Amino acid sequence: MTSVALAVLLGAAAPAFPQAAAPAPAMRHRHDDPVAYIASLEDPKRDDYQKPDEVLKALALKPGEVIADIGSGSGYFTLRFARAVGDTAASTPSTSARTWSAT
């Protein structure tokens, strides 16, 4: 079930439209300003293309299931997953550490 949920997550989290690649210099400097980078991850407009409610609906997570949010960055999906499954969620931040709980 975990591998199915991960596969669904990866498929559902991808935008339905192609994204233009960032120019190489922009990609290289993306993490130079952690505050600005986290702000971009926390931008409310992100919901428009990430569609977190649709992702959670597609995953159909239930309390007690195990899910790992690998490369969770600022925790955009982490809190949503934790609320869905309870204390069986796990997070591996890629850019910053954040303390979270299911409540």
C-alpha atoms as a PDB file:
ATOM      1  CA  MET A   1       0.000   0.000   0.000  1.00  0.00           C
ATOM      2  CA  THR A   2       2.832   2.408   0.805  1.00  0.00           C
ATOM      3  CA  SER A   3       4.397   2.054  -2.641  1.00  0.00           C
ATOM      4  CA  VAL A   4       0.978   2.561  -4.240  1.00  0.00           C
ATOM      5  CA  ALA A   5       0.425   5.712  -2.175  1.00  0.00           C
ATOM      6  CA  LEU A   6       3.869   7.011  -3.134  1.00  0.00           C
ATOM      7  CA  ALA A   7       3.220   6.320  -6.810  1.00  0.00           C
ATOM      8  CA  VAL A   8      -0.131   8.082  -6.630  1.00  0.00           C
ATOM      9  CA  LEU A   9       1.465  11.014  -4.804  1.00  0.00           C
ATOM     10  CA  LEU A  10       4.158  11.414  -7.411  1.00  0.00           C
ATOM     11  CA  GLY A  11       1.635  11.261 -10.226  1.00  0.00           C
ATOM     12  CA  ALA A  12      -0.973  13.460  -8.579  1.00  0.00           C
ATOM     13  CA  ALA A  13       1.487  16.081  -7.401  1.00  0.00           C
ATOM     14  CA  ALA A  14       2.798  16.735 -10.890  1.00  0.00           C
ATOM     15  CA  PRO A  15       1.142  19.664 -12.623  1.00  0.00           C
ATOM     16  CA  ALA A  16      -1.135  18.845 -15.522  1.00  0.00           C
ATOM     17  CA  PHE A  17       0.747  21.236 -17.776  1.00  0.00           C
ATOM     18  CA  PRO A  18       4.398  21.472 -18.765  1.00  0.00           C
ATOM     19  CA  GLN A  19       6.488  23.982 -16.862  1.00  0.00           C
ATOM     20  CA  ALA A  20       9.186  26.060 -18.470  1.00  0.00           C
ATOM     21  CA  ALA A  21      12.640  25.199 -17.197  1.00  0.00           C
ATOM     22  CA  ALA A  22      14.291  27.905 -15.144  1.00  0.00           C
ATOM     23  CA  PRO A  23      17.414  29.357 -16.693  1.00  0.00           C
ATOM     24  CA  ALA A  24      20.572  27.636 -15.440  1.00  0.00           C
ATOM     25  CA  PRO A  25      21.800  30.683 -13.449  1.00  0.00           C
ATOM     26  CA  ALA A  26      18.446  30.949 -11.658  1.00  0.00           C
ATOM     27  CA  MET A  27      18.508  27.259 -10.720  1.00  0.00           C
ATOM     28  CA  ARG A  28      22.059  27.542  -9.376  1.00  0.00           C
ATOM     29  CA  HIS A  29      21.122  30.432  -7.079  1.00  0.00           C
ATOM     30  CA  ARG A  30      17.710  29.218  -6.015  1.00  0.00           C
ATOM     31  CA  HIS A  31      18.892  28.297  -2.515  1.00  0.00           C
ATOM     32  CA  ASP A  32      21.224  31.265  -1.976  1.00  0.00           C
ATOM     33  CA  ASP A  33      18.548  33.114   0.010  1.00  0.00           C
ATOM     34  CA  PRO A  34      16.824  30.542   2.260  1.00  0.00           C
ATOM     35  CA  VAL A  35      14.223  33.042   3.489  1.00  0.00           C
ATOM     36  CA  ALA A  36      13.154  33.897  -0.067  1.00  0.00           C
ATOM     37  CA  TYR A  37      13.211  30.219  -1.051  1.00  0.00           C
ATOM     38  CA  ILE A  38      10.971  29.205   1.859  1.00  0.00           C
ATOM     39  CA  ALA A  39       8.679  32.147   1.073  1.00  0.00           C
ATOM     40  CA  SER A  40       8.318  30.809  -2.475  1.00  0.00           C
ATOM     41  CA  LEU A  41       7.464  27.363  -1.083  1.00  0.00           C
ATOM     42  CA  GLU A  42       4.863  28.896   1.266  1.00  0.00           C
ATOM     43  CA  ASP A  43       3.289  31.163  -1.377  1.00  0.00           C
ATOM     44  CA  PRO A  44      -0.530  30.735  -1.260  1.00  0.00           C
ATOM     45  CA  LYS A  45      -0.537  30.778  -5.086  1.00  0.00           C
ATOM     46  CA  ARG A  46       1.199  27.390  -4.936  1.00  0.00           C
ATOM     47  CA  ASP A  47      -2.174  25.794  -4.217  1.00  0.00           C
ATOM     48  CA  ASP A  48      -3.299  26.789  -7.728  1.00  0.00           C
ATOM     49  CA  TYR A  49      -0.837  24.458  -9.449  1.00  0.00           C
ATOM     50  CA  GLN A  50      -0.049  21.890  -6.740  1.00  0.00           C
ATOM     51  CA  LYS A  51      -3.743  21.246  -5.972  1.00  0.00           C
ATOM     52  CA  PRO A  52      -3.137  19.821  -2.470  1.00  0.00           C
ATOM     53  CA  ASP A  53      -6.803  18.960  -1.868  1.00  0.00           C
ATOM     54  CA  GLU A  54      -6.881  16.912  -5.077  1.00  0.00           C
ATOM     55  CA  VAL A  55      -3.620  15.173  -4.135  1.00  0.00           C
ATOM     56  CA  LEU A  56      -4.989  14.197  -0.716  1.00  0.00           C
ATOM     57  CA  LYS A  57      -8.253  13.005  -2.266  1.00  0.00           C
ATOM     58  CA  ALA A  58      -6.325  10.882  -4.806  1.00  0.00           C
ATOM     59  CA  LEU A  59      -4.179   9.363  -2.055  1.00  0.00           C
ATOM     60  CA  ALA A  60      -7.248   8.555   0.055  1.00  0.00           C
ATOM     61  CA  LEU A  61      -5.055   8.390   3.172  1.00  0.00           C
ATOM     62  CA  LYS A  62      -6.579   6.857   6.281  1.00  0.00           C
ATOM     63  CA  PRO A  63      -5.646   7.228   9.944  1.00  0.00           C
ATOM     64  CA  GLY A  64      -2.875   4.802  10.851  1.00  0.00           C
ATOM     65  CA  GLU A  65      -1.458   4.448   7.335  1.00  0.00           C
ATOM     66  CA  VAL A  66       2.216   5.161   6.885  1.00  0.00           C
ATOM     67  CA  ILE A  67       3.388   7.876   4.517  1.00  0.00           C
ATOM     68  CA  ALA A  68       6.807   9.444   4.075  1.00  0.00           C
ATOM     69  CA  ASP A  69       7.184  12.973   2.745  1.00  0.00           C
ATOM     70  CA  ILE A  70      10.694  12.741   1.296  1.00  0.00           C
ATOM     71  CA  GLY A  71      12.267  16.055   0.345  1.00  0.00           C
ATOM     72  CA  SER A  72       9.516  17.886   2.193  1.00  0.00           C
ATOM     73  CA  GLY A  73      11.171  21.297   2.006  1.00  0.00           C
ATOM     74  CA  SER A  74       9.139  23.651   4.154  1.00  0.00           C
ATOM     75  CA  GLY A  75       6.481  21.040   4.850  1.00  0.00           C
ATOM     76  CA  TYR A  76       3.875  22.130   2.285  1.00  0.00           C
ATOM     77  CA  PHE A  77       2.358  18.640   2.124  1.00  0.00           C
ATOM     78  CA  THR A  78       3.729  17.341   5.438  1.00  0.00           C
ATOM     79  CA  LEU A  79       1.105  18.906   7.691  1.00  0.00           C
ATOM     80  CA  ARG A  80      -1.674  17.812   5.369  1.00  0.00           C
ATOM     81  CA  PHE A  81      -0.365  14.235   5.398  1.00  0.00           C
ATOM     82  CA  ALA A  82       0.064  14.263   9.169  1.00  0.00           C
ATOM     83  CA  ARG A  83      -3.518  15.396   9.683  1.00  0.00           C
ATOM     84  CA  ALA A  84      -4.732  12.628   7.373  1.00  0.00           C
ATOM     85  CA  VAL A  85      -2.796   9.703   8.890  1.00  0.00           C
ATOM     86  CA  GLY A  86      -2.066  10.830  12.443  1.00  0.00           C
ATOM     87  CA  ASP A  87       1.249  10.082  14.087  1.00  0.00           C
ATOM     88  CA  THR A  88       2.389   7.569  11.457  1.00  0.00           C
ATOM     89  CA  ALA A  89       3.629  10.305   9.088  1.00  0.00           C
ATOM     90  CA  ALA A  90       7.349  10.880   8.559  1.00  0.00           C
ATOM     91  CA  SER A  91       9.178  13.772   6.960  1.00  0.00           C
ATOM     92  CA  THR A  92      12.653  14.119   5.497  1.00  0.00           C
ATOM     93  CA  PRO A  93      13.225  17.837   4.897  1.00  0.00           C
ATOM     94  CA  SER A  94      15.366  18.774   1.943  1.00  0.00           C
ATOM     95  CA  THR A  95      15.855  22.494   2.474  1.00  0.00           C
ATOM     96  CA  SER A  96      14.830  23.271   6.019  1.00  0.00           C
ATOM     97  CA  ALA A  97      13.774  21.549   9.180  1.00  0.00           C
ATOM     98  CA  ARG A  98      10.327  22.176  10.566  1.00  0.00           C
ATOM     99  CA  THR A  99       8.728  20.802  13.690  1.00  0.00           C
ATOM    100  CA  TRP A 100       5.194  19.566  13.074  1.00  0.00           C
ATOM    101  CA  SER A 101       2.542  17.419  14.615  1.00  0.00           C
ATOM    102  CA  ALA A 102      -0.711  15.883  13.523  1.00  0.00           C
ATOM    103  CA  THR A 103      -2.758  18.226  15.715  1.00  0.00           C
END
